[in-house]
Amino acid sequence: MTILVAYVPRPEGRAALDKGIEIATRRNERLVVVNAGPGGRDDPSIVNGYEVERVEERLATLPITAEFKQFVRGKSAIEEIEEIVTALQVSVLVIGLRKRSAVGKLLLGSMAQEILLNVNCPVLAVKASA
């Protein structure tokens, strides 16, 4: 089985990564970390080269099989996550949450909500420490 982490280069993404590493190591399961930013060339949630290196270096030190995946978008991040959940037999999907205003949720939608409602595996939502 596989632990999947939906990663964004923000505090909530790093909290999800920390928890995913903890769970995968404890269960001795494969860990896959995927860029979960919505995409677009100027999107600040796209994981840049430096961030990719930092994450990959951290994963390389783990006593389990771990890898980072970043996709060239043709689909939404949610569609990609749904496909990965099915293809890799994910036992737990770990996502990070952040506090947003009601207007922010209305205008931007909630990726976390879509993931919670659409994926076919348990989802663990973690908050970044304050």
N, C-alpha and C. Protein backbone atom coordinates (compact mmCIF):
# COMPACT_ATOMS: atom_id res chain seq x y z
N MET A 1 0.84 -1.18 0.00
CA MET A 1 0.00 0.00 0.00
C MET A 1 0.89 1.25 0.00
N THR A 2 0.26 2.39 -0.23
CA THR A 2 0.98 3.65 -0.38
C THR A 2 0.32 4.74 0.45
N ILE A 3 1.15 5.58 1.05
CA ILE A 3 0.68 6.80 1.70
C ILE A 3 0.92 7.91 0.68
N LEU A 4 -0.11 8.70 0.39
CA LEU A 4 -0.02 9.78 -0.59
C LEU A 4 -0.15 11.11 0.14
N VAL A 5 0.76 12.03 -0.14
CA VAL A 5 0.71 13.37 0.43
C VAL A 5 0.46 14.37 -0.69
N ALA A 6 -0.60 15.17 -0.55
CA ALA A 6 -0.87 16.26 -1.47
C ALA A 6 -0.11 17.47 -0.96
N TYR A 7 0.95 17.85 -1.66
CA TYR A 7 1.90 18.84 -1.17
C TYR A 7 1.78 20.18 -1.90
N VAL A 8 1.83 21.24 -1.13
CA VAL A 8 1.98 22.59 -1.66
C VAL A 8 3.09 23.26 -0.83
N PRO A 9 3.87 24.15 -1.42
CA PRO A 9 4.98 24.76 -0.69
C PRO A 9 4.53 25.89 0.24
N ARG A 10 3.70 25.54 1.18
CA ARG A 10 3.20 26.46 2.20
C ARG A 10 3.17 25.71 3.52
N PRO A 11 2.95 26.39 4.62
CA PRO A 11 2.96 25.71 5.92
C PRO A 11 2.03 24.50 5.99
N GLU A 12 0.85 24.59 5.41
CA GLU A 12 -0.07 23.44 5.46
C GLU A 12 0.46 22.27 4.65
N GLY A 13 1.16 22.54 3.56
CA GLY A 13 1.77 21.47 2.78
C GLY A 13 2.90 20.79 3.52
N ARG A 14 3.70 21.59 4.21
CA ARG A 14 4.79 21.02 5.00
C ARG A 14 4.26 20.21 6.17
N ALA A 15 3.13 20.65 6.76
CA ALA A 15 2.51 19.87 7.85
C ALA A 15 2.01 18.53 7.31
N ALA A 16 1.43 18.54 6.12
CA ALA A 16 0.96 17.29 5.51
C ALA A 16 2.15 16.37 5.22
N LEU A 17 3.24 16.93 4.72
CA LEU A 17 4.44 16.14 4.44
C LEU A 17 4.97 15.50 5.72
N ASP A 18 5.07 16.29 6.79
CA ASP A 18 5.57 15.75 8.07
C ASP A 18 4.71 14.58 8.53
N LYS A 19 3.39 14.74 8.47
CA LYS A 19 2.49 13.69 8.94
C LYS A 19 2.55 12.47 8.01
N GLY A 20 2.64 12.69 6.71
CA GLY A 20 2.76 11.58 5.78
C GLY A 20 4.02 10.76 6.02
N ILE A 21 5.13 11.45 6.27
CA ILE A 21 6.39 10.76 6.57
C ILE A 21 6.23 9.94 7.85
N GLU A 22 5.63 10.55 8.87
CA GLU A 22 5.43 9.84 10.13
C GLU A 22 4.60 8.56 9.94
N ILE A 23 3.50 8.67 9.22
CA ILE A 23 2.61 7.51 9.03
C ILE A 23 3.29 6.44 8.18
N ALA A 24 3.89 6.84 7.06
CA ALA A 24 4.53 5.87 6.17
C ALA A 24 5.67 5.15 6.86
N THR A 25 6.45 5.86 7.66
CA THR A 25 7.56 5.24 8.37
C THR A 25 7.04 4.27 9.42
N ARG A 26 6.03 4.69 10.17
CA ARG A 26 5.47 3.82 11.21
C ARG A 26 4.86 2.54 10.60
N ARG A 27 4.20 2.68 9.46
CA ARG A 27 3.55 1.53 8.81
C ARG A 27 4.47 0.78 7.86
N ASN A 28 5.65 1.33 7.61
CA ASN A 28 6.58 0.77 6.64
C ASN A 28 5.92 0.64 5.26
N GLU A 29 5.28 1.73 4.83
CA GLU A 29 4.62 1.77 3.53
C GLU A 29 5.35 2.74 2.62
N ARG A 30 5.14 2.58 1.34
CA ARG A 30 5.69 3.49 0.34
C ARG A 30 5.05 4.87 0.53
N LEU A 31 5.85 5.92 0.29
CA LEU A 31 5.37 7.29 0.40
C LEU A 31 5.49 7.96 -0.96
N VAL A 32 4.40 8.54 -1.42
CA VAL A 32 4.42 9.32 -2.66
C VAL A 32 3.93 10.73 -2.31
N VAL A 33 4.73 11.71 -2.67
CA VAL A 33 4.39 13.11 -2.44
C VAL A 33 4.13 13.72 -3.81
N VAL A 34 2.96 14.35 -3.96
CA VAL A 34 2.60 14.92 -5.26
C VAL A 34 2.29 16.40 -5.12
N ASN A 35 2.75 17.18 -6.10
CA ASN A 35 2.43 18.60 -6.12
C ASN A 35 0.93 18.76 -6.30
N ALA A 36 0.29 19.42 -5.34
CA ALA A 36 -1.16 19.57 -5.39
C ALA A 36 -1.60 20.99 -5.67
N GLY A 37 -0.69 21.83 -6.14
CA GLY A 37 -1.08 23.20 -6.48
C GLY A 37 -2.02 23.19 -7.67
N PRO A 38 -2.89 24.20 -7.76
CA PRO A 38 -3.86 24.22 -8.85
C PRO A 38 -3.25 24.41 -10.22
N GLY A 39 -2.01 24.85 -10.30
CA GLY A 39 -1.34 24.94 -11.59
C GLY A 39 -1.38 26.33 -12.19
N GLY A 40 -0.81 26.45 -13.36
CA GLY A 40 -0.69 27.75 -13.99
C GLY A 40 0.72 28.26 -13.81
N ARG A 41 1.24 28.87 -14.83
CA ARG A 41 2.64 29.27 -14.84
C ARG A 41 3.02 30.21 -13.70
N ASP A 42 2.15 31.14 -13.35
CA ASP A 42 2.47 32.13 -12.32
C ASP A 42 1.90 31.77 -10.96
N ASP A 43 1.40 30.57 -10.81
CA ASP A 43 0.80 30.13 -9.55
C ASP A 43 1.89 29.93 -8.50
N PRO A 44 1.81 30.64 -7.35
CA PRO A 44 2.85 30.49 -6.33
C PRO A 44 2.84 29.13 -5.64
N SER A 45 1.79 28.34 -5.84
CA SER A 45 1.75 27.03 -5.21
C SER A 45 2.45 25.96 -6.05
N ILE A 46 2.92 26.31 -7.24
CA ILE A 46 3.70 25.37 -8.02
C ILE A 46 5.04 25.20 -7.32
N VAL A 47 5.44 23.98 -7.19
CA VAL A 47 6.68 23.69 -6.49
C VAL A 47 7.86 24.01 -7.41
N ASN A 48 8.71 24.95 -6.98
CA ASN A 48 9.85 25.34 -7.81
C ASN A 48 11.00 24.35 -7.64
N GLY A 49 12.04 24.53 -8.45
CA GLY A 49 13.17 23.60 -8.44
C GLY A 49 13.83 23.46 -7.09
N TYR A 50 14.01 24.59 -6.39
CA TYR A 50 14.64 24.54 -5.07
C TYR A 50 13.79 23.72 -4.10
N GLU A 51 12.50 23.96 -4.13
CA GLU A 51 11.58 23.24 -3.23
C GLU A 51 11.57 21.75 -3.56
N VAL A 52 11.58 21.42 -4.84
CA VAL A 52 11.63 20.01 -5.26
C VAL A 52 12.88 19.36 -4.69
N GLU A 53 14.02 20.02 -4.81
CA GLU A 53 15.27 19.46 -4.30
C GLU A 53 15.20 19.25 -2.79
N ARG A 54 14.67 20.23 -2.07
CA ARG A 54 14.54 20.11 -0.61
C ARG A 54 13.69 18.91 -0.23
N VAL A 55 12.55 18.76 -0.90
CA VAL A 55 11.66 17.63 -0.59
C VAL A 55 12.33 16.32 -0.97
N GLU A 56 12.93 16.26 -2.15
CA GLU A 56 13.58 15.02 -2.58
C GLU A 56 14.74 14.63 -1.67
N GLU A 57 15.51 15.62 -1.22
CA GLU A 57 16.61 15.33 -0.29
C GLU A 57 16.07 14.75 1.02
N ARG A 58 14.99 15.33 1.50
CA ARG A 58 14.38 14.81 2.73
C ARG A 58 13.87 13.40 2.54
N LEU A 59 13.22 13.13 1.42
CA LEU A 59 12.69 11.79 1.15
C LEU A 59 13.80 10.77 1.02
N ALA A 60 14.94 11.19 0.47
CA ALA A 60 16.06 10.26 0.27
C ALA A 60 16.65 9.77 1.59
N THR A 61 16.43 10.50 2.67
CA THR A 61 16.99 10.09 3.96
C THR A 61 16.09 9.12 4.72
N LEU A 62 14.91 8.85 4.19
CA LEU A 62 13.94 8.01 4.91
C LEU A 62 14.29 6.53 4.77
N PRO A 63 13.91 5.73 5.76
CA PRO A 63 14.16 4.29 5.71
C PRO A 63 13.10 3.53 4.91
N ILE A 64 12.27 4.24 4.15
CA ILE A 64 11.21 3.63 3.34
C ILE A 64 11.36 4.11 1.89
N THR A 65 10.64 3.49 0.99
CA THR A 65 10.61 3.95 -0.40
C THR A 65 9.76 5.20 -0.46
N ALA A 66 10.33 6.26 -1.03
CA ALA A 66 9.62 7.54 -1.11
C ALA A 66 9.99 8.26 -2.39
N GLU A 67 9.01 8.96 -2.99
CA GLU A 67 9.28 9.71 -4.21
C GLU A 67 8.39 10.94 -4.29
N PHE A 68 8.86 11.92 -5.05
CA PHE A 68 8.13 13.16 -5.29
C PHE A 68 7.70 13.18 -6.75
N LYS A 69 6.44 13.54 -7.00
CA LYS A 69 5.95 13.64 -8.37
C LYS A 69 5.40 15.04 -8.60
N GLN A 70 5.81 15.64 -9.72
CA GLN A 70 5.23 16.91 -10.13
C GLN A 70 4.76 16.73 -11.55
N PHE A 71 3.54 17.10 -11.81
CA PHE A 71 2.95 16.84 -13.11
C PHE A 71 2.90 18.10 -13.96
N VAL A 72 2.96 17.89 -15.27
CA VAL A 72 2.67 18.96 -16.21
C VAL A 72 1.17 18.90 -16.36
N ARG A 73 0.52 19.97 -16.00
CA ARG A 73 -0.93 19.96 -15.90
C ARG A 73 -1.62 19.86 -17.26
N GLY A 74 -2.54 18.94 -17.31
CA GLY A 74 -3.49 18.83 -18.40
C GLY A 74 -4.85 18.66 -17.75
N LYS A 75 -4.80 18.27 -16.49
CA LYS A 75 -5.99 18.02 -15.68
C LYS A 75 -5.87 18.86 -14.42
N SER A 76 -6.95 18.90 -13.67
CA SER A 76 -6.89 19.59 -12.39
C SER A 76 -6.11 18.74 -11.40
N ALA A 77 -5.60 19.38 -10.36
CA ALA A 77 -4.88 18.66 -9.31
C ALA A 77 -5.77 17.59 -8.70
N ILE A 78 -7.04 17.89 -8.55
CA ILE A 78 -7.97 16.93 -7.95
C ILE A 78 -8.13 15.69 -8.83
N GLU A 79 -8.26 15.89 -10.14
CA GLU A 79 -8.35 14.75 -11.06
C GLU A 79 -7.09 13.90 -10.98
N GLU A 80 -5.94 14.55 -10.92
CA GLU A 80 -4.68 13.80 -10.84
C GLU A 80 -4.59 13.02 -9.53
N ILE A 81 -4.97 13.65 -8.43
CA ILE A 81 -4.95 12.97 -7.14
C ILE A 81 -5.89 11.77 -7.16
N GLU A 82 -7.09 11.93 -7.71
CA GLU A 82 -8.04 10.81 -7.80
C GLU A 82 -7.43 9.65 -8.59
N GLU A 83 -6.76 9.94 -9.70
CA GLU A 83 -6.14 8.90 -10.51
C GLU A 83 -5.02 8.19 -9.76
N ILE A 84 -4.22 8.95 -9.03
CA ILE A 84 -3.12 8.36 -8.27
C ILE A 84 -3.66 7.46 -7.16
N VAL A 85 -4.71 7.92 -6.48
CA VAL A 85 -5.32 7.12 -5.41
C VAL A 85 -5.72 5.75 -5.95
N THR A 86 -6.31 5.72 -7.13
CA THR A 86 -6.73 4.46 -7.73
C THR A 86 -5.54 3.63 -8.22
N ALA A 87 -4.62 4.27 -8.92
CA ALA A 87 -3.51 3.55 -9.53
C ALA A 87 -2.54 2.96 -8.51
N LEU A 88 -2.32 3.66 -7.39
CA LEU A 88 -1.31 3.22 -6.43
C LEU A 88 -1.88 2.51 -5.22
N GLN A 89 -3.16 2.25 -5.20
CA GLN A 89 -3.79 1.61 -4.04
C GLN A 89 -3.41 2.36 -2.76
N VAL A 90 -3.79 3.60 -2.69
CA VAL A 90 -3.45 4.46 -1.56
C VAL A 90 -4.25 4.06 -0.33
N SER A 91 -3.54 3.87 0.78
CA SER A 91 -4.22 3.51 2.03
C SER A 91 -4.66 4.75 2.79
N VAL A 92 -3.91 5.85 2.68
CA VAL A 92 -4.28 7.12 3.32
C VAL A 92 -3.76 8.27 2.46
N LEU A 93 -4.61 9.25 2.24
CA LEU A 93 -4.22 10.49 1.57
C LEU A 93 -4.11 11.56 2.65
N VAL A 94 -2.97 12.24 2.72
CA VAL A 94 -2.75 13.28 3.72
C VAL A 94 -2.77 14.63 3.02
N ILE A 95 -3.64 15.53 3.51
CA ILE A 95 -3.72 16.87 2.96
C ILE A 95 -3.54 17.89 4.08
N GLY A 96 -3.08 19.06 3.72
CA GLY A 96 -2.95 20.15 4.69
C GLY A 96 -4.10 21.12 4.52
N LEU A 97 -4.50 21.72 5.64
CA LEU A 97 -5.59 22.70 5.62
C LEU A 97 -5.10 24.05 6.11
N ARG A 98 -5.73 25.09 5.62
CA ARG A 98 -5.47 26.43 6.12
C ARG A 98 -6.79 27.13 6.34
N LYS A 99 -6.79 28.08 7.24
CA LYS A 99 -7.99 28.83 7.54
C LYS A 99 -8.25 29.84 6.43
N ARG A 100 -9.50 29.88 5.97
CA ARG A 100 -9.89 30.84 4.94
C ARG A 100 -11.20 31.49 5.34
N SER A 101 -11.40 32.69 4.86
CA SER A 101 -12.64 33.39 5.14
C SER A 101 -13.77 32.76 4.33
N ALA A 102 -15.01 33.07 4.72
CA ALA A 102 -16.16 32.56 3.97
C ALA A 102 -16.15 33.06 2.54
N VAL A 103 -15.76 34.31 2.34
CA VAL A 103 -15.69 34.87 0.98
C VAL A 103 -14.60 34.16 0.18
N GLY A 104 -13.47 33.89 0.82
CA GLY A 104 -12.39 33.17 0.14
C GLY A 104 -12.83 31.80 -0.32
N LYS A 105 -13.60 31.11 0.52
CA LYS A 105 -14.11 29.79 0.15
C LYS A 105 -15.09 29.89 -1.01
N LEU A 106 -15.94 30.92 -0.96
CA LEU A 106 -16.95 31.10 -2.00
C LEU A 106 -16.31 31.41 -3.34
N LEU A 107 -15.35 32.34 -3.36
CA LEU A 107 -14.74 32.78 -4.61
C LEU A 107 -13.77 31.77 -5.18
N LEU A 108 -13.00 31.11 -4.32
CA LEU A 108 -11.93 30.23 -4.79
C LEU A 108 -12.29 28.75 -4.73
N GLY A 109 -13.41 28.42 -4.11
CA GLY A 109 -13.74 27.02 -3.93
C GLY A 109 -12.86 26.41 -2.87
N SER A 110 -13.06 25.17 -2.58
CA SER A 110 -12.24 24.51 -1.58
C SER A 110 -11.72 23.20 -2.15
N MET A 111 -10.44 23.21 -2.46
CA MET A 111 -9.82 22.00 -3.00
C MET A 111 -9.91 20.86 -1.99
N ALA A 112 -9.71 21.18 -0.71
CA ALA A 112 -9.79 20.16 0.34
C ALA A 112 -11.17 19.52 0.35
N GLN A 113 -12.21 20.33 0.22
CA GLN A 113 -13.57 19.79 0.23
C GLN A 113 -13.79 18.87 -0.96
N GLU A 114 -13.33 19.27 -2.14
CA GLU A 114 -13.48 18.41 -3.32
C GLU A 114 -12.75 17.09 -3.13
N ILE A 115 -11.56 17.15 -2.57
CA ILE A 115 -10.81 15.92 -2.33
C ILE A 115 -11.56 15.02 -1.35
N LEU A 116 -12.01 15.61 -0.24
CA LEU A 116 -12.74 14.83 0.77
C LEU A 116 -13.97 14.15 0.20
N LEU A 117 -14.66 14.82 -0.70
CA LEU A 117 -15.89 14.28 -1.26
C LEU A 117 -15.67 13.31 -2.42
N ASN A 118 -14.51 13.38 -3.07
CA ASN A 118 -14.34 12.61 -4.31
C ASN A 118 -13.38 11.43 -4.27
N VAL A 119 -12.40 11.41 -3.38
CA VAL A 119 -11.45 10.30 -3.41
C VAL A 119 -12.02 9.08 -2.69
N ASN A 120 -11.55 7.92 -3.12
CA ASN A 120 -12.05 6.65 -2.59
C ASN A 120 -11.06 6.00 -1.63
N CYS A 121 -10.55 6.80 -0.69
CA CYS A 121 -9.67 6.27 0.35
C CYS A 121 -9.81 7.18 1.56
N PRO A 122 -9.34 6.72 2.71
CA PRO A 122 -9.37 7.60 3.88
C PRO A 122 -8.50 8.83 3.65
N VAL A 123 -8.96 9.97 4.15
CA VAL A 123 -8.22 11.22 4.01
C VAL A 123 -7.94 11.77 5.41
N LEU A 124 -6.68 12.10 5.65
CA LEU A 124 -6.29 12.72 6.91
C LEU A 124 -5.95 14.17 6.61
N ALA A 125 -6.69 15.09 7.23
CA ALA A 125 -6.46 16.53 7.05
C ALA A 125 -5.70 17.04 8.27
N VAL A 126 -4.58 17.72 8.02
CA VAL A 126 -3.76 18.26 9.12
C VAL A 126 -3.65 19.76 8.95
N LYS A 127 -3.51 20.45 10.07
CA LYS A 127 -3.33 21.90 10.06
C LYS A 127 -1.87 22.21 10.36
N ALA A 128 -1.43 23.30 9.78
CA ALA A 128 -0.07 23.77 10.10
C ALA A 128 -0.09 24.35 11.51
N SER A 129 1.04 24.22 12.20
CA SER A 129 1.09 24.80 13.54
C SER A 129 1.05 26.31 13.42
N ALA A 130 0.45 26.94 14.39
CA ALA A 130 0.22 28.39 14.34
C ALA A 130 1.46 29.20 14.49
